[in-house]
Every structure is written in structure tokens, then in C-alpha cells.
């Protein structure tokens, strides 16, 4: 892994943020290209948000990128460009929680702080036959306390990385490689022949069905797109669209939306419904295609974009449409 072996707090920080809810194989190329574009914390702090989101495009969970960008600016402004070594000060930066604080400060500065992610929680739950899930508030408190009890004063970063690696490569969620585990002689779950029972399964979040309609409008070989606002995917670009109640006609709503944007276009609906998933949201997308009847206005929120070489961060839905 390209982030192993470094004590640079900025590079460790970038890797830990990217690895949140994302697999190592996916993160690795993004990590390399992101650091080629922003090799130092100062370079990241000077960048525009659009540049940061474009470099992050495809990795998902874009709030991570915004928080990392805002935190870099705060470090440059308030800490002379040096990542704080104190847990309280580092933990107050945007997007930095207990896990990120422990991971970065233990690896970069040898602070004896324990980490707890899904891999570490699984190792602890099985080794001590502790029926606790870190996705449950009470279970997470017990696991954090247990993790902190065992983190050593010497080389805590190596310890944290070792436990994370053990969970990622040996103590797997399914078909764990118990014969290869260096802790097999003291693992309580293995002794009880109940490895599969730990940690207990946390209830899954209910799936939300969403109906959405989008207008794919071509102009001079490009596609008209808007910059999203609001809680979800803010700052990313995709064709104009809106969420709809089932039973509501999409055409009139789309045309009204386009008029509000100053866009005049003829629309026709595609027969096929596009299916798209974001975490727990399953989205059924009605695609309406058309061409503008007059040159669209170019603004901070509306522009014609080449979907193959966009130069801005597109949503996953916009990239999927660009491949059709």
C-alpha cells in the first residue's frame, strides 16, 4: 500500500480519509493521483473546491473531500501549515473524528491512541468473544474502551496498522483464515467454535426507493449540466433533474425546471428506465433527451460539459449516462 512506511501526517491523513467506507483496491490509484495533483497540504489548501472535487471524482462520499479541503485551509491559516500533534486540536478540524485522530497521530507522531474500524472491531469481538458491534452505540463504547486498553505506548502506529491488517486479510467477515492467525491460541471465539457468531450482525438500514427524472440535453456536442446544491452531492455536476412522487408526470415538471434555469428545449422520454444505487437509495431514473432551441445561458450553475472530458466532478449518475 503506497501509504505504508511514511510518517508524513498529510499523506497519512489523505489515505485514512479515502479509506473510510472504501476498499483499498479502489483507493490506491486515487491516492496516487490526488497526491500528484496536491503533493502538500499547502497546495491542497490553495486549490479551488472544484479542483478538489474533480480529483476526487469517482471515489464517492464527496463530503470527505470537502472536509479535507476545509481542514487543510484551517491548518494553513491557524496552525502555520503544521498538522496539530495534539489530539484535541486535531480533532476539532472539519471532518476529523475519533478514528481519524487516532490513526493519523499514532502513525505520524507515536501518540498512544487506539483506532476502531470494522476490521479492528471484528478482531476484538472475536478474540474476546465480546458480543458487541461497533455500529451500535453501546457496542462501540465497549469496543473503543477495549481497543484503548491494549494499544501499547511504544510504536502505537505499528500496532494499529497491524490490527487493521489482521482484520482485513485474516480475520475476514466470512471464511476467516483462523489457521493462519497469530492470535489463534488465545482467541475465545475460536476456542468456543463460535467464530461466525462474532461480532453480532447489526440491523441494516432500510432501502429507500426514489423516482427521479433527468433531462439529457445536447448542445454543440456537449451535454447541459447543472451544479448540484443541497444536502446530497453538493458541488457535483449532472444533467438537470428532480425527484418525483410516484404517479406524478415528469415532463411538465422537467420543462418548468428548465424554464427556471433559462433553458428552452424539446424533450422526449426514453422507454428504458435507468436504475442507479447510492448507498441505501435505489433510484429509478426516467431519462428525457432533447436539444436546446436557443443557446443556453452559461452561469456558475449551468454549463455545457463534455461528459468524456468534463474538467469538473460529475456524479456517478452523470458518468453512467455519458457512457450510454
C-alpha atoms as a PDB file:
ATOM      1  CA  UNK A   1       0.000   0.000   0.000  1.00  0.00           C
ATOM      2  CA  UNK A   2       1.555   3.315  -1.027  1.00  0.00           C
ATOM      3  CA  UNK A   3       0.733   4.993   2.293  1.00  0.00           C
ATOM      4  CA  UNK A   4       2.592   2.428   4.395  1.00  0.00           C
ATOM      5  CA  UNK A   5       6.051   3.372   5.623  1.00  0.00           C
ATOM      6  CA  UNK A   6       5.524   7.150   5.642  1.00  0.00           C
ATOM      7  CA  UNK A   7       5.430   9.362   8.722  1.00  0.00           C
ATOM      8  CA  UNK A   8       4.155  12.377   6.766  1.00  0.00           C
ATOM      9  CA  UNK A   9       0.941  13.328   8.599  1.00  0.00           C
ATOM     10  CA  UNK A  10      -0.590  14.878   5.464  1.00  0.00           C
ATOM     11  CA  UNK A  11      -0.166  11.714   3.374  1.00  0.00           C
ATOM     12  CA  UNK A  12      -1.408   9.505   6.214  1.00  0.00           C
ATOM     13  CA  UNK A  13      -4.389  11.812   6.664  1.00  0.00           C
ATOM     14  CA  UNK A  14      -5.296  11.650   2.971  1.00  0.00           C
ATOM     15  CA  UNK A  15      -5.111   7.849   2.990  1.00  0.00           C
ATOM     16  CA  UNK A  16      -7.254   7.493   6.106  1.00  0.00           C
ATOM     17  CA  UNK A  17      -9.936   9.812   4.757  1.00  0.00           C
ATOM     18  CA  UNK A  18     -10.041   7.963   1.441  1.00  0.00           C
ATOM     19  CA  UNK A  19     -10.190   4.564   3.139  1.00  0.00           C
ATOM     20  CA  UNK A  20     -13.338   5.447   5.059  1.00  0.00           C
ATOM     21  CA  UNK A  21     -16.097   3.230   3.604  1.00  0.00           C
ATOM     22  CA  UNK A  22     -13.946   2.473   0.533  1.00  0.00           C
ATOM     23  CA  UNK A  23     -11.881  -0.607  -0.324  1.00  0.00           C
ATOM     24  CA  UNK A  24      -8.087  -0.490  -0.577  1.00  0.00           C
ATOM     25  CA  UNK A  25      -8.036  -1.595  -4.235  1.00  0.00           C
ATOM     26  CA  UNK A  26     -10.286   1.320  -5.179  1.00  0.00           C
ATOM     27  CA  UNK A  27      -8.421   3.882  -3.073  1.00  0.00           C
ATOM     28  CA  UNK A  28      -4.872   3.109  -4.274  1.00  0.00           C
ATOM     29  CA  UNK A  29      -4.981   4.789  -7.726  1.00  0.00           C
ATOM     30  CA  UNK A  30      -6.963   7.751  -6.368  1.00  0.00           C
ATOM     31  CA  UNK A  31      -4.452   8.224  -3.560  1.00  0.00           C
ATOM     32  CA  UNK A  32      -1.551   8.357  -6.028  1.00  0.00           C
ATOM     33  CA  UNK A  33      -3.237  10.737  -8.468  1.00  0.00           C
ATOM     34  CA  UNK A  34      -4.558  13.000  -5.682  1.00  0.00           C
ATOM     35  CA  UNK A  35      -1.068  13.442  -4.239  1.00  0.00           C
ATOM     36  CA  UNK A  36       0.376  14.077  -7.680  1.00  0.00           C
ATOM     37  CA  UNK A  37      -2.091  16.943  -8.014  1.00  0.00           C
ATOM     38  CA  UNK A  38      -1.845  18.149  -4.392  1.00  0.00           C
ATOM     39  CA  UNK A  39       1.557  16.930  -3.109  1.00  0.00           C
ATOM     40  CA  UNK A  40       1.482  19.078   0.016  1.00  0.00           C
ATOM     41  CA  UNK A  41      -1.097  20.319   2.454  1.00  0.00           C
ATOM     42  CA  UNK A  42      -0.358  23.876   1.320  1.00  0.00           C
ATOM     43  CA  UNK A  43      -1.131  23.013  -2.299  1.00  0.00           C
ATOM     44  CA  UNK A  44      -4.423  21.442  -1.256  1.00  0.00           C
ATOM     45  CA  UNK A  45      -5.305  24.496   0.820  1.00  0.00           C
ATOM     46  CA  UNK A  46      -4.712  26.843  -2.140  1.00  0.00           C
ATOM     47  CA  UNK A  47      -6.831  24.791  -4.546  1.00  0.00           C
ATOM     48  CA  UNK A  48     -10.385  25.683  -5.523  1.00  0.00           C
ATOM     49  CA  UNK A  49     -13.148  23.374  -4.345  1.00  0.00           C
ATOM     50  CA  UNK A  50     -13.978  22.443  -7.956  1.00  0.00           C
ATOM     51  CA  UNK A  51     -10.396  21.237  -8.448  1.00  0.00           C
ATOM     52  CA  UNK A  52     -10.533  19.103  -5.305  1.00  0.00           C
ATOM     53  CA  UNK A  53     -13.872  17.555  -6.221  1.00  0.00           C
ATOM     54  CA  UNK A  54     -12.651  16.835  -9.754  1.00  0.00           C
ATOM     55  CA  UNK A  55      -9.618  14.988  -8.341  1.00  0.00           C
ATOM     56  CA  UNK A  56     -11.954  13.055  -6.028  1.00  0.00           C
ATOM     57  CA  UNK A  57     -14.498  12.273  -8.782  1.00  0.00           C
ATOM     58  CA  UNK A  58     -15.466   8.601  -8.805  1.00  0.00           C
ATOM     59  CA  UNK A  59     -14.336   7.894  -5.249  1.00  0.00           C
ATOM     60  CA  UNK A  60     -17.703   8.818  -3.763  1.00  0.00           C
ATOM     61  CA  UNK A  61     -18.740  10.242  -0.387  1.00  0.00           C
ATOM     62  CA  UNK A  62     -17.708  13.718  -1.511  1.00  0.00           C
ATOM     63  CA  UNK A  63     -18.253  15.263   1.890  1.00  0.00           C
ATOM     64  CA  UNK A  64     -14.910  13.676   2.821  1.00  0.00           C
ATOM     65  CA  UNK A  65     -13.167  15.742   0.134  1.00  0.00           C
ATOM     66  CA  UNK A  66     -14.847  18.974   1.208  1.00  0.00           C
ATOM     67  CA  UNK A  67     -13.950  18.405   4.853  1.00  0.00           C
ATOM     68  CA  UNK A  68     -10.342  17.527   3.995  1.00  0.00           C
ATOM     69  CA  UNK A  69     -10.070  20.673   1.860  1.00  0.00           C
ATOM     70  CA  UNK A  70     -11.580  22.880   4.581  1.00  0.00           C
ATOM     71  CA  UNK A  71      -9.338  21.310   7.226  1.00  0.00           C
ATOM     72  CA  UNK A  72      -6.225  21.900   5.100  1.00  0.00           C
ATOM     73  CA  UNK A  73      -7.136  25.575   4.806  1.00  0.00           C
ATOM     74  CA  UNK A  74      -7.658  25.778   8.558  1.00  0.00           C
ATOM     75  CA  UNK A  75      -4.279  24.152   9.283  1.00  0.00           C
ATOM     76  CA  UNK A  76      -2.528  26.627   6.984  1.00  0.00           C
ATOM     77  CA  UNK A  77      -4.437  29.587   8.416  1.00  0.00           C
ATOM     78  CA  UNK A  78      -4.410  28.727  12.128  1.00  0.00           C
ATOM     79  CA  UNK A  79      -1.506  26.288  12.624  1.00  0.00           C
ATOM     80  CA  UNK A  80       1.201  27.699  10.330  1.00  0.00           C
ATOM     81  CA  UNK A  81       0.726  24.786   7.934  1.00  0.00           C
ATOM     82  CA  UNK A  82       1.686  22.131  10.501  1.00  0.00           C
ATOM     83  CA  UNK A  83      -0.736  19.309  11.279  1.00  0.00           C
ATOM     84  CA  UNK A  84      -1.513  19.610  15.020  1.00  0.00           C
ATOM     85  CA  UNK A  85       0.069  16.849  17.114  1.00  0.00           C
ATOM     86  CA  UNK A  86      -2.402  17.423  19.939  1.00  0.00           C
ATOM     87  CA  UNK A  87      -5.489  15.190  19.768  1.00  0.00           C
ATOM     88  CA  UNK A  88      -7.906  17.893  20.928  1.00  0.00           C
ATOM     89  CA  UNK A  89      -6.729  20.454  18.375  1.00  0.00           C
ATOM     90  CA  UNK A  90      -6.529  17.959  15.519  1.00  0.00           C
ATOM     91  CA  UNK A  91      -9.927  16.532  16.428  1.00  0.00           C
ATOM     92  CA  UNK A  92     -11.572  19.959  16.084  1.00  0.00           C
ATOM     93  CA  UNK A  93     -10.679  20.228  12.386  1.00  0.00           C
ATOM     94  CA  UNK A  94     -13.531  19.776   9.867  1.00  0.00           C
ATOM     95  CA  UNK A  95     -14.421  16.137   9.257  1.00  0.00           C
ATOM     96  CA  UNK A  96     -11.933  14.780  11.790  1.00  0.00           C
ATOM     97  CA  UNK A  97     -13.396  12.292  14.246  1.00  0.00           C
ATOM     98  CA  UNK A  98     -12.000   9.953  16.844  1.00  0.00           C
ATOM     99  CA  UNK A  99     -10.851   7.310  14.355  1.00  0.00           C
ATOM    100  CA  UNK A 100      -9.020   9.740  12.050  1.00  0.00           C
ATOM    101  CA  UNK A 101      -7.402  11.463  15.013  1.00  0.00           C
ATOM    102  CA  UNK A 102      -6.095   8.177  16.403  1.00  0.00           C
ATOM    103  CA  UNK A 103      -4.919   6.831  13.048  1.00  0.00           C
ATOM    104  CA  UNK A 104      -3.041   9.952  11.954  1.00  0.00           C
ATOM    105  CA  UNK A 105      -1.497  10.881  15.301  1.00  0.00           C
ATOM    106  CA  UNK A 106      -0.481   7.337  16.268  1.00  0.00           C
ATOM    107  CA  UNK A 107       1.210   6.642  12.917  1.00  0.00           C
ATOM    108  CA  UNK A 108       2.739  10.073  12.340  1.00  0.00           C
ATOM    109  CA  UNK A 109       3.571  11.154  15.915  1.00  0.00           C
ATOM    110  CA  UNK A 110       3.533   7.950  18.050  1.00  0.00           C
ATOM    111  CA  UNK A 111       0.565   9.094  20.108  1.00  0.00           C
ATOM    112  CA  UNK A 112      -0.794   6.050  22.064  1.00  0.00           C
ATOM    113  CA  UNK A 113      -4.324   6.330  20.671  1.00  0.00           C
ATOM    114  CA  UNK A 114      -6.333   3.283  19.631  1.00  0.00           C
ATOM    115  CA  UNK A 115      -8.199   3.049  16.341  1.00  0.00           C
ATOM    116  CA  UNK A 116     -11.519   1.331  15.854  1.00  0.00           C
ATOM    117  CA  UNK A 117     -12.916   0.486  12.440  1.00  0.00           C
ATOM    118  CA  UNK A 118     -14.816  -2.541  11.179  1.00  0.00           C
ATOM    119  CA  UNK A 119     -11.671  -4.657  10.893  1.00  0.00           C
ATOM    120  CA  UNK A 120     -10.382  -3.831  14.375  1.00  0.00           C
ATOM    121  CA  UNK A 121     -13.831  -4.296  15.906  1.00  0.00           C
ATOM    122  CA  UNK A 122     -14.104  -7.760  14.343  1.00  0.00           C
ATOM    123  CA  UNK A 123     -10.704  -8.834  15.699  1.00  0.00           C
ATOM    124  CA  UNK A 124     -11.537  -7.613  19.204  1.00  0.00           C
ATOM    125  CA  UNK A 125     -15.046  -9.051  19.242  1.00  0.00           C
ATOM    126  CA  UNK A 126     -13.805 -12.485  18.199  1.00  0.00           C
ATOM    127  CA  UNK A 127     -10.651 -12.562  20.281  1.00  0.00           C
ATOM    128  CA  UNK A 128     -12.531 -11.742  23.471  1.00  0.00           C
ATOM    129  CA  UNK A 129     -15.852 -13.356  22.427  1.00  0.00           C
ATOM    130  CA  UNK A 130     -17.441  -9.970  23.054  1.00  0.00           C
ATOM    131  CA  UNK A 131     -20.972  -9.683  21.616  1.00  0.00           C
ATOM    132  CA  UNK A 132     -20.592  -6.040  20.583  1.00  0.00           C
ATOM    133  CA  UNK A 133     -20.941  -4.297  17.219  1.00  0.00           C
ATOM    134  CA  UNK A 134     -19.224  -1.001  16.554  1.00  0.00           C
ATOM    135  CA  UNK A 135     -22.259   0.084  14.513  1.00  0.00           C
ATOM    136  CA  UNK A 136     -24.260   0.060  17.730  1.00  0.00           C
ATOM    137  CA  UNK A 137     -23.617   2.948  20.146  1.00  0.00           C
ATOM    138  CA  UNK A 138     -23.269   0.849  23.300  1.00  0.00           C
ATOM    139  CA  UNK A 139     -21.227  -1.784  21.475  1.00  0.00           C
ATOM    140  CA  UNK A 140     -18.921   0.872  20.036  1.00  0.00           C
ATOM    141  CA  UNK A 141     -18.245   2.294  23.508  1.00  0.00           C
ATOM    142  CA  UNK A 142     -17.230  -1.139  24.801  1.00  0.00           C
ATOM    143  CA  UNK A 143     -15.006  -1.797  21.806  1.00  0.00           C
ATOM    144  CA  UNK A 144     -13.323   1.632  21.970  1.00  0.00           C
ATOM    145  CA  UNK A 145     -12.532   1.056  25.645  1.00  0.00           C
ATOM    146  CA  UNK A 146     -11.134  -2.396  24.886  1.00  0.00           C
ATOM    147  CA  UNK A 147      -9.034  -1.114  21.999  1.00  0.00           C
ATOM    148  CA  UNK A 148      -7.581   1.710  24.108  1.00  0.00           C
ATOM    149  CA  UNK A 149      -6.714  -0.746  26.898  1.00  0.00           C
ATOM    150  CA  UNK A 150      -4.497  -2.754  24.562  1.00  0.00           C
ATOM    151  CA  UNK A 151      -2.751  -0.095  22.473  1.00  0.00           C
ATOM    152  CA  UNK A 152       0.949  -0.018  23.502  1.00  0.00           C
ATOM    153  CA  UNK A 153       2.917   3.069  24.479  1.00  0.00           C
ATOM    154  CA  UNK A 154       5.708   2.011  22.100  1.00  0.00           C
ATOM    155  CA  UNK A 155       5.051   2.076  18.348  1.00  0.00           C
ATOM    156  CA  UNK A 156       1.274   2.516  18.658  1.00  0.00           C
ATOM    157  CA  UNK A 157       1.010   3.299  14.946  1.00  0.00           C
ATOM    158  CA  UNK A 158       2.547  -0.042  14.010  1.00  0.00           C
ATOM    159  CA  UNK A 159       0.171  -1.776  16.418  1.00  0.00           C
ATOM    160  CA  UNK A 160      -2.892  -0.038  14.993  1.00  0.00           C
ATOM    161  CA  UNK A 161      -1.903  -0.840  11.420  1.00  0.00           C
ATOM    162  CA  UNK A 162      -1.178  -4.459  12.356  1.00  0.00           C
ATOM    163  CA  UNK A 163      -4.606  -4.996  13.938  1.00  0.00           C
ATOM    164  CA  UNK A 164      -6.322  -3.328  10.972  1.00  0.00           C
ATOM    165  CA  UNK A 165      -4.340  -5.549   8.565  1.00  0.00           C
ATOM    166  CA  UNK A 166      -5.179  -8.649  10.591  1.00  0.00           C
ATOM    167  CA  UNK A 167      -8.876  -7.897  10.236  1.00  0.00           C
ATOM    168  CA  UNK A 168      -8.563  -7.031   6.544  1.00  0.00           C
ATOM    169  CA  UNK A 169      -6.520 -10.066   5.478  1.00  0.00           C
ATOM    170  CA  UNK A 170      -7.019 -12.889   8.031  1.00  0.00           C
ATOM    171  CA  UNK A 171      -9.938 -12.261  10.408  1.00  0.00           C
ATOM    172  CA  UNK A 172     -12.326 -11.834   7.497  1.00  0.00           C
ATOM    173  CA  UNK A 173     -16.081 -11.275   7.857  1.00  0.00           C
ATOM    174  CA  UNK A 174     -16.769 -14.536   6.020  1.00  0.00           C
ATOM    175  CA  UNK A 175     -14.459 -17.568   5.808  1.00  0.00           C
ATOM    176  CA  UNK A 176     -11.840 -16.210   8.230  1.00  0.00           C
ATOM    177  CA  UNK A 177      -8.383 -17.777   7.911  1.00  0.00           C
ATOM    178  CA  UNK A 178      -8.153 -18.920  11.513  1.00  0.00           C
ATOM    179  CA  UNK A 179      -5.320 -21.396  10.822  1.00  0.00           C
ATOM    180  CA  UNK A 180      -3.115 -18.506   9.682  1.00  0.00           C
ATOM    181  CA  UNK A 181      -3.999 -16.199  12.582  1.00  0.00           C
ATOM    182  CA  UNK A 182      -1.191 -15.294  15.020  1.00  0.00           C
ATOM    183  CA  UNK A 183      -3.840 -14.927  17.767  1.00  0.00           C
ATOM    184  CA  UNK A 184      -5.467 -18.323  17.272  1.00  0.00           C
ATOM    185  CA  UNK A 185      -4.049 -19.758  20.545  1.00  0.00           C
ATOM    186  CA  UNK A 186      -5.811 -17.084  22.623  1.00  0.00           C
ATOM    187  CA  UNK A 187      -8.931 -16.415  20.535  1.00  0.00           C
ATOM    188  CA  UNK A 188     -12.006 -17.061  22.686  1.00  0.00           C
ATOM    189  CA  UNK A 189     -14.421 -17.285  19.753  1.00  0.00           C
ATOM    190  CA  UNK A 190     -12.238 -19.947  18.116  1.00  0.00           C
ATOM    191  CA  UNK A 191     -11.964 -21.892  21.373  1.00  0.00           C
ATOM    192  CA  UNK A 192     -15.754 -21.835  21.662  1.00  0.00           C
ATOM    193  CA  UNK A 193     -16.098 -22.826  17.977  1.00  0.00           C
ATOM    194  CA  UNK A 194     -18.309 -19.759  17.516  1.00  0.00           C
ATOM    195  CA  UNK A 195     -16.218 -17.507  15.272  1.00  0.00           C
ATOM    196  CA  UNK A 196     -19.167 -16.824  12.966  1.00  0.00           C
ATOM    197  CA  UNK A 197     -21.224 -15.532  15.899  1.00  0.00           C
ATOM    198  CA  UNK A 198     -18.898 -12.564  16.497  1.00  0.00           C
ATOM    199  CA  UNK A 199     -19.405  -9.707  16.090  1.00  0.00           C
ATOM    200  CA  UNK A 200     -23.205  -9.827  16.165  1.00  0.00           C
ATOM    201  CA  UNK A 201     -24.916  -8.687  12.971  1.00  0.00           C
ATOM    202  CA  UNK A 202     -26.149  -5.110  13.178  1.00  0.00           C
ATOM    203  CA  UNK A 203     -29.526  -4.303  11.594  1.00  0.00           C
ATOM    204  CA  UNK A 204     -29.245  -2.910   8.081  1.00  0.00           C
ATOM    205  CA  UNK A 205     -30.635   0.457   7.157  1.00  0.00           C
ATOM    206  CA  UNK A 206     -33.885   0.154   5.237  1.00  0.00           C
ATOM    207  CA  UNK A 207     -33.639   0.640   1.477  1.00  0.00           C
ATOM    208  CA  UNK A 208     -35.265   3.814   0.153  1.00  0.00           C
ATOM    209  CA  UNK A 209     -36.848   3.753  -3.305  1.00  0.00           C
ATOM    210  CA  UNK A 210     -36.523   7.022  -5.204  1.00  0.00           C
ATOM    211  CA  UNK A 211     -38.012   8.092  -8.540  1.00  0.00           C
ATOM    212  CA  UNK A 212     -36.022  10.701 -10.447  1.00  0.00           C
ATOM    213  CA  UNK A 213     -36.320  12.323 -13.869  1.00  0.00           C
ATOM    214  CA  UNK A 214     -33.408  13.945 -15.694  1.00  0.00           C
ATOM    215  CA  UNK A 215     -33.113  15.943 -18.905  1.00  0.00           C
ATOM    216  CA  UNK A 216     -30.142  14.999 -21.106  1.00  0.00           C
ATOM    217  CA  UNK A 217     -29.913  17.988 -23.427  1.00  0.00           C
ATOM    218  CA  UNK A 218     -27.198  18.140 -26.064  1.00  0.00           C
ATOM    219  CA  UNK A 219     -25.709  21.385 -27.326  1.00  0.00           C
ATOM    220  CA  UNK A 220     -22.722  21.630 -29.702  1.00  0.00           C
ATOM    221  CA  UNK A 221     -21.629  18.072 -28.899  1.00  0.00           C
ATOM    222  CA  UNK A 222     -21.821  18.639 -25.163  1.00  0.00           C
ATOM    223  CA  UNK A 223     -24.411  17.907 -22.510  1.00  0.00           C
ATOM    224  CA  UNK A 224     -26.103  20.614 -20.469  1.00  0.00           C
ATOM    225  CA  UNK A 225     -25.398  20.131 -16.782  1.00  0.00           C
ATOM    226  CA  UNK A 226     -26.071  21.922 -13.523  1.00  0.00           C
ATOM    227  CA  UNK A 227     -24.073  22.142 -10.327  1.00  0.00           C
ATOM    228  CA  UNK A 228     -25.984  20.353  -7.598  1.00  0.00           C
ATOM    229  CA  UNK A 229     -26.925  22.154  -4.411  1.00  0.00           C
ATOM    230  CA  UNK A 230     -28.359  20.988  -1.106  1.00  0.00           C
ATOM    231  CA  UNK A 231     -27.561  18.111   1.217  1.00  0.00           C
ATOM    232  CA  UNK A 232     -26.736  15.379  -1.328  1.00  0.00           C
ATOM    233  CA  UNK A 233     -23.842  15.610  -3.819  1.00  0.00           C
ATOM    234  CA  UNK A 234     -23.492  19.373  -3.450  1.00  0.00           C
ATOM    235  CA  UNK A 235     -20.924  20.853  -5.827  1.00  0.00           C
ATOM    236  CA  UNK A 236     -21.036  17.966  -8.314  1.00  0.00           C
ATOM    237  CA  UNK A 237     -22.354  18.279 -11.859  1.00  0.00           C
ATOM    238  CA  UNK A 238     -25.049  16.271 -13.606  1.00  0.00           C
ATOM    239  CA  UNK A 239     -27.899  16.804 -16.108  1.00  0.00           C
ATOM    240  CA  UNK A 240     -30.834  18.820 -14.698  1.00  0.00           C
ATOM    241  CA  UNK A 241     -33.200  16.611 -12.774  1.00  0.00           C
ATOM    242  CA  UNK A 242     -35.582  16.309  -9.862  1.00  0.00           C
ATOM    243  CA  UNK A 243     -37.033  13.696  -7.541  1.00  0.00           C
ATOM    244  CA  UNK A 244     -40.704  12.875  -8.074  1.00  0.00           C
ATOM    245  CA  UNK A 245     -43.522  11.209  -6.222  1.00  0.00           C
ATOM    246  CA  UNK A 246     -44.794   8.057  -7.884  1.00  0.00           C
ATOM    247  CA  UNK A 247     -47.734   8.925 -10.112  1.00  0.00           C
ATOM    248  CA  UNK A 248     -46.521  12.465 -10.867  1.00  0.00           C
ATOM    249  CA  UNK A 249     -45.934  13.368 -14.530  1.00  0.00           C
ATOM    250  CA  UNK A 250     -42.279  14.116 -15.100  1.00  0.00           C
ATOM    251  CA  UNK A 251     -42.460  16.058 -18.392  1.00  0.00           C
ATOM    252  CA  UNK A 252     -44.208  19.212 -17.139  1.00  0.00           C
ATOM    253  CA  UNK A 253     -42.043  19.339 -14.017  1.00  0.00           C
ATOM    254  CA  UNK A 254     -38.826  18.999 -16.039  1.00  0.00           C
ATOM    255  CA  UNK A 255     -39.874  21.684 -18.519  1.00  0.00           C
ATOM    256  CA  UNK A 256     -40.749  24.071 -15.688  1.00  0.00           C
ATOM    257  CA  UNK A 257     -37.381  23.410 -14.085  1.00  0.00           C
ATOM    258  CA  UNK A 258     -35.576  24.129 -17.353  1.00  0.00           C
ATOM    259  CA  UNK A 259     -37.500  27.386 -17.824  1.00  0.00           C
ATOM    260  CA  UNK A 260     -36.389  28.479 -14.357  1.00  0.00           C
ATOM    261  CA  UNK A 261     -32.808  27.825 -15.488  1.00  0.00           C
ATOM    262  CA  UNK A 262     -33.342  29.864 -18.647  1.00  0.00           C
ATOM    263  CA  UNK A 263     -33.189  26.795 -20.888  1.00  0.00           C
ATOM    264  CA  UNK A 264     -35.602  26.163 -23.754  1.00  0.00           C
ATOM    265  CA  UNK A 265     -35.591  22.612 -25.143  1.00  0.00           C
ATOM    266  CA  UNK A 266     -37.740  19.942 -26.754  1.00  0.00           C
ATOM    267  CA  UNK A 267     -37.865  16.740 -24.707  1.00  0.00           C
ATOM    268  CA  UNK A 268     -38.794  13.141 -25.385  1.00  0.00           C
ATOM    269  CA  UNK A 269     -38.694  10.307 -22.874  1.00  0.00           C
ATOM    270  CA  UNK A 270     -36.605   7.179 -23.399  1.00  0.00           C
ATOM    271  CA  UNK A 271     -38.512   3.935 -22.995  1.00  0.00           C
ATOM    272  CA  UNK A 272     -35.921   2.307 -20.742  1.00  0.00           C
ATOM    273  CA  UNK A 273     -35.734   3.277 -17.069  1.00  0.00           C
ATOM    274  CA  UNK A 274     -32.194   3.603 -15.747  1.00  0.00           C
ATOM    275  CA  UNK A 275     -31.507   2.045 -12.339  1.00  0.00           C
ATOM    276  CA  UNK A 276     -28.938   3.659 -10.079  1.00  0.00           C
ATOM    277  CA  UNK A 277     -27.935   2.963  -6.465  1.00  0.00           C
ATOM    278  CA  UNK A 278     -26.315   5.262  -3.897  1.00  0.00           C
ATOM    279  CA  UNK A 279     -25.734   3.518  -0.539  1.00  0.00           C
ATOM    280  CA  UNK A 280     -29.266   2.749   0.716  1.00  0.00           C
ATOM    281  CA  UNK A 281     -31.088   4.693  -2.045  1.00  0.00           C
ATOM    282  CA  UNK A 282     -32.302   2.737  -5.073  1.00  0.00           C
ATOM    283  CA  UNK A 283     -33.113   5.254  -7.757  1.00  0.00           C
ATOM    284  CA  UNK A 284     -35.327   4.660 -10.792  1.00  0.00           C
ATOM    285  CA  UNK A 285     -34.321   7.286 -13.341  1.00  0.00           C
ATOM    286  CA  UNK A 286     -36.523   8.425 -16.215  1.00  0.00           C
ATOM    287  CA  UNK A 287     -34.237   9.783 -18.925  1.00  0.00           C
ATOM    288  CA  UNK A 288     -35.630  12.546 -21.135  1.00  0.00           C
ATOM    289  CA  UNK A 289     -33.487  13.554 -24.102  1.00  0.00           C
ATOM    290  CA  UNK A 290     -33.620  16.637 -26.239  1.00  0.00           C
ATOM    291  CA  UNK A 291     -31.830  19.566 -27.822  1.00  0.00           C
ATOM    292  CA  UNK A 292     -31.915  23.226 -26.902  1.00  0.00           C
ATOM    293  CA  UNK A 293     -33.968  25.541 -29.083  1.00  0.00           C
ATOM    294  CA  UNK A 294     -31.837  28.550 -28.118  1.00  0.00           C
ATOM    295  CA  UNK A 295     -28.308  28.954 -26.784  1.00  0.00           C
ATOM    296  CA  UNK A 296     -28.425  28.218 -23.040  1.00  0.00           C
ATOM    297  CA  UNK A 297     -27.059  30.739 -20.571  1.00  0.00           C
ATOM    298  CA  UNK A 298     -23.679  29.949 -19.043  1.00  0.00           C
ATOM    299  CA  UNK A 299     -23.509  30.641 -15.334  1.00  0.00           C
ATOM    300  CA  UNK A 300     -21.893  29.391 -12.144  1.00  0.00           C
ATOM    301  CA  UNK A 301     -24.566  26.703 -12.008  1.00  0.00           C
ATOM    302  CA  UNK A 302     -25.365  25.895 -15.663  1.00  0.00           C
ATOM    303  CA  UNK A 303     -22.926  24.968 -18.419  1.00  0.00           C
ATOM    304  CA  UNK A 304     -22.449  22.617 -21.374  1.00  0.00           C
ATOM    305  CA  UNK A 305     -19.933  19.911 -20.456  1.00  0.00           C
ATOM    306  CA  UNK A 306     -18.137  17.188 -22.381  1.00  0.00           C
ATOM    307  CA  UNK A 307     -19.120  14.045 -20.429  1.00  0.00           C
ATOM    308  CA  UNK A 308     -15.949  12.234 -21.579  1.00  0.00           C
ATOM    309  CA  UNK A 309     -13.508  15.012 -20.591  1.00  0.00           C
ATOM    310  CA  UNK A 310     -15.572  17.067 -18.176  1.00  0.00           C
ATOM    311  CA  UNK A 311     -12.905  19.021 -16.293  1.00  0.00           C
ATOM    312  CA  UNK A 312     -15.276  19.088 -13.290  1.00  0.00           C
ATOM    313  CA  UNK A 313     -16.522  16.470 -10.838  1.00  0.00           C
ATOM    314  CA  UNK A 314     -19.503  14.581 -12.213  1.00  0.00           C
ATOM    315  CA  UNK A 315     -21.912  12.489 -10.182  1.00  0.00           C
ATOM    316  CA  UNK A 316     -21.848   8.728 -10.741  1.00  0.00           C
ATOM    317  CA  UNK A 317     -25.214   9.052 -12.457  1.00  0.00           C
ATOM    318  CA  UNK A 318     -23.833  11.649 -14.892  1.00  0.00           C
ATOM    319  CA  UNK A 319     -20.861   9.397 -15.724  1.00  0.00           C
ATOM    320  CA  UNK A 320     -23.207   6.455 -16.257  1.00  0.00           C
ATOM    321  CA  UNK A 321     -25.327   8.494 -18.655  1.00  0.00           C
ATOM    322  CA  UNK A 322     -22.217   9.659 -20.506  1.00  0.00           C
ATOM    323  CA  UNK A 323     -21.355   6.024 -21.261  1.00  0.00           C
ATOM    324  CA  UNK A 324     -24.775   5.281 -22.817  1.00  0.00           C
END
